[in-house]
């Protein structure tokens, strides 16, 4: 998570260690999904489903 935090400090990985904390979920909504997220991570999966398969990504738009 330290390396992830260095690559993507806006998500705060060093503070929440990848757990779905309130702040982590807020950051996902604010900054989008990065390429390191697992689509099986429930908050990510739920976000994809709730946006009908198209979500903001810091890389590009991701389509399910």
N, C-alpha and C. Protein backbone atom coordinates (compact mmCIF):
# COMPACT_ATOMS: atom_id res chain seq x y z
N UNK A 1 0.81 -1.19 0.00
CA UNK A 1 0.00 0.00 0.00
C UNK A 1 0.87 1.26 0.00
N UNK A 2 2.05 1.17 0.56
CA UNK A 2 2.95 2.33 0.55
C UNK A 2 3.32 2.67 -0.90
N UNK A 3 3.63 1.65 -1.70
CA UNK A 3 3.95 1.89 -3.11
C UNK A 3 2.75 2.46 -3.86
N UNK A 4 1.57 1.92 -3.57
CA UNK A 4 0.35 2.43 -4.19
C UNK A 4 0.14 3.90 -3.82
N UNK A 5 0.43 4.23 -2.56
CA UNK A 5 0.27 5.60 -2.11
C UNK A 5 1.24 6.53 -2.83
N UNK A 6 2.43 6.05 -3.11
CA UNK A 6 3.40 6.86 -3.84
C UNK A 6 2.94 7.10 -5.28
N UNK A 7 2.32 6.10 -5.88
CA UNK A 7 1.82 6.23 -7.25
C UNK A 7 0.55 7.08 -7.33
N UNK A 8 -0.30 6.93 -6.33
CA UNK A 8 -1.61 7.59 -6.33
C UNK A 8 -1.89 8.20 -4.95
N UNK A 9 -1.18 9.24 -4.56
CA UNK A 9 -1.34 9.80 -3.21
C UNK A 9 -2.73 10.36 -2.94
N UNK A 10 -3.45 10.72 -3.98
CA UNK A 10 -4.79 11.29 -3.80
C UNK A 10 -5.78 10.32 -3.16
N UNK A 11 -5.49 9.03 -3.22
CA UNK A 11 -6.40 8.03 -2.65
C UNK A 11 -6.12 7.75 -1.16
N UNK A 12 -4.95 8.11 -0.66
CA UNK A 12 -4.63 7.93 0.75
C UNK A 12 -4.42 6.48 1.17
N UNK A 13 -3.87 5.66 0.30
CA UNK A 13 -3.68 4.23 0.60
C UNK A 13 -2.87 4.00 1.88
N UNK A 14 -1.90 4.84 2.16
CA UNK A 14 -1.06 4.62 3.35
C UNK A 14 -1.87 4.76 4.64
N UNK A 15 -2.98 5.48 4.58
CA UNK A 15 -3.79 5.69 5.77
C UNK A 15 -4.84 4.60 5.99
N UNK A 16 -5.42 4.09 4.92
CA UNK A 16 -6.51 3.11 5.09
C UNK A 16 -6.14 1.70 4.65
N UNK A 17 -4.95 1.54 4.09
CA UNK A 17 -4.42 0.23 3.70
C UNK A 17 -5.33 -0.53 2.73
N UNK A 18 -6.15 0.20 1.98
CA UNK A 18 -7.02 -0.43 0.99
C UNK A 18 -8.39 -0.82 1.50
N UNK A 19 -8.63 -0.62 2.79
CA UNK A 19 -9.96 -0.94 3.33
C UNK A 19 -10.95 0.13 2.89
N UNK A 20 -12.20 -0.25 2.81
CA UNK A 20 -13.25 0.65 2.33
C UNK A 20 -13.70 1.61 3.43
N UNK A 21 -12.81 2.50 3.83
CA UNK A 21 -13.17 3.51 4.82
C UNK A 21 -14.01 4.59 4.15
N UNK A 22 -14.65 5.41 4.94
CA UNK A 22 -15.46 6.50 4.40
C UNK A 22 -14.60 7.39 3.50
N UNK A 23 -13.41 7.75 3.95
CA UNK A 23 -12.52 8.62 3.18
C UNK A 23 -12.09 7.94 1.87
N UNK A 24 -11.80 6.64 1.94
CA UNK A 24 -11.40 5.90 0.74
C UNK A 24 -12.52 5.94 -0.30
N UNK A 25 -13.74 5.67 0.13
CA UNK A 25 -14.88 5.68 -0.79
C UNK A 25 -15.11 7.07 -1.37
N UNK A 26 -14.93 8.10 -0.56
CA UNK A 26 -15.05 9.47 -1.05
C UNK A 26 -14.00 9.75 -2.13
N UNK A 27 -12.78 9.27 -1.89
CA UNK A 27 -11.70 9.50 -2.86
C UNK A 27 -11.94 8.75 -4.16
N UNK A 28 -12.52 7.56 -4.09
CA UNK A 28 -12.85 6.82 -5.31
C UNK A 28 -13.86 7.61 -6.12
N UNK A 29 -14.87 8.15 -5.45
CA UNK A 29 -15.89 8.93 -6.16
C UNK A 29 -15.30 10.23 -6.71
N UNK A 30 -14.39 10.83 -5.98
CA UNK A 30 -13.79 12.09 -6.39
C UNK A 30 -12.80 11.91 -7.55
N UNK A 31 -11.93 10.91 -7.44
CA UNK A 31 -10.83 10.75 -8.41
C UNK A 31 -11.05 9.64 -9.42
N UNK A 32 -12.06 8.83 -9.22
CA UNK A 32 -12.31 7.74 -10.15
C UNK A 32 -11.53 6.49 -9.79
N UNK A 33 -11.57 5.54 -10.68
CA UNK A 33 -10.93 4.24 -10.47
C UNK A 33 -9.59 4.25 -11.18
N UNK A 34 -8.55 3.80 -10.48
CA UNK A 34 -7.26 3.68 -11.17
C UNK A 34 -7.06 2.22 -11.61
N UNK A 35 -6.06 1.98 -12.41
CA UNK A 35 -5.85 0.65 -13.00
C UNK A 35 -5.53 -0.43 -11.98
N UNK A 36 -5.14 -0.06 -10.77
CA UNK A 36 -4.79 -1.05 -9.77
C UNK A 36 -5.99 -1.61 -9.02
N UNK A 37 -7.14 -0.97 -9.13
CA UNK A 37 -8.31 -1.46 -8.42
C UNK A 37 -8.79 -2.78 -9.00
N UNK A 38 -9.23 -3.65 -8.11
CA UNK A 38 -9.83 -4.92 -8.53
C UNK A 38 -11.32 -4.67 -8.76
N UNK A 39 -11.84 -5.12 -9.86
CA UNK A 39 -13.26 -4.94 -10.11
C UNK A 39 -14.10 -5.82 -9.20
N UNK A 40 -13.47 -6.77 -8.52
CA UNK A 40 -14.19 -7.60 -7.55
C UNK A 40 -14.26 -6.92 -6.18
N UNK A 41 -13.55 -5.80 -5.98
CA UNK A 41 -13.63 -5.02 -4.75
C UNK A 41 -15.04 -4.43 -4.73
N UNK A 42 -15.86 -4.82 -3.73
CA UNK A 42 -17.28 -4.49 -3.74
C UNK A 42 -17.59 -3.02 -4.01
N UNK A 43 -16.91 -2.07 -3.38
CA UNK A 43 -17.23 -0.66 -3.70
C UNK A 43 -17.00 -0.32 -5.18
N UNK A 44 -15.99 -0.93 -5.79
CA UNK A 44 -15.74 -0.67 -7.21
C UNK A 44 -16.82 -1.34 -8.06
N UNK A 45 -17.12 -2.57 -7.74
CA UNK A 45 -18.17 -3.31 -8.45
C UNK A 45 -19.49 -2.56 -8.34
N UNK A 46 -19.84 -2.11 -7.14
CA UNK A 46 -21.08 -1.37 -6.94
C UNK A 46 -21.09 -0.07 -7.73
N UNK A 47 -19.96 0.61 -7.79
CA UNK A 47 -19.87 1.86 -8.54
C UNK A 47 -20.09 1.61 -10.02
N UNK A 48 -19.51 0.56 -10.54
CA UNK A 48 -19.68 0.22 -11.96
C UNK A 48 -21.13 -0.11 -12.24
N UNK A 49 -21.75 -0.90 -11.38
CA UNK A 49 -23.15 -1.27 -11.57
C UNK A 49 -24.05 -0.04 -11.47
N UNK A 50 -23.79 0.82 -10.49
CA UNK A 50 -24.65 1.99 -10.28
C UNK A 50 -24.53 3.01 -11.40
N UNK A 51 -23.45 2.97 -12.15
CA UNK A 51 -23.28 3.91 -13.26
C UNK A 51 -23.50 3.23 -14.60
N UNK A 52 -24.18 2.07 -14.55
CA UNK A 52 -24.52 1.31 -15.76
C UNK A 52 -23.32 0.94 -16.59
N UNK A 53 -22.23 0.58 -15.92
CA UNK A 53 -21.09 0.04 -16.62
C UNK A 53 -20.07 1.06 -17.09
N UNK A 54 -20.29 2.34 -16.84
CA UNK A 54 -19.34 3.35 -17.28
C UNK A 54 -18.98 4.25 -16.10
N UNK A 55 -17.73 4.25 -15.72
CA UNK A 55 -17.30 5.04 -14.57
C UNK A 55 -16.08 5.87 -14.91
N UNK A 56 -15.90 6.92 -14.12
CA UNK A 56 -14.73 7.78 -14.28
C UNK A 56 -13.49 7.03 -13.83
N UNK A 57 -12.45 7.18 -14.58
CA UNK A 57 -11.16 6.61 -14.24
C UNK A 57 -10.12 7.70 -14.35
N UNK A 58 -9.05 7.63 -13.54
CA UNK A 58 -8.00 8.62 -13.70
C UNK A 58 -7.16 8.32 -14.93
N UNK A 59 -7.42 7.23 -15.60
CA UNK A 59 -6.73 6.86 -16.83
C UNK A 59 -7.61 7.12 -18.06
N UNK A 60 -8.86 6.71 -17.97
CA UNK A 60 -9.81 6.81 -19.08
C UNK A 60 -11.18 6.41 -18.56
N UNK A 61 -12.19 6.45 -19.40
CA UNK A 61 -13.50 5.94 -19.01
C UNK A 61 -13.47 4.42 -19.13
N UNK A 62 -13.92 3.77 -18.09
CA UNK A 62 -13.94 2.31 -18.06
C UNK A 62 -15.36 1.85 -18.38
N UNK A 63 -15.49 0.96 -19.33
CA UNK A 63 -16.80 0.41 -19.66
C UNK A 63 -16.82 -1.04 -19.26
N UNK A 64 -17.91 -1.44 -18.64
CA UNK A 64 -18.06 -2.83 -18.20
C UNK A 64 -18.29 -3.72 -19.39
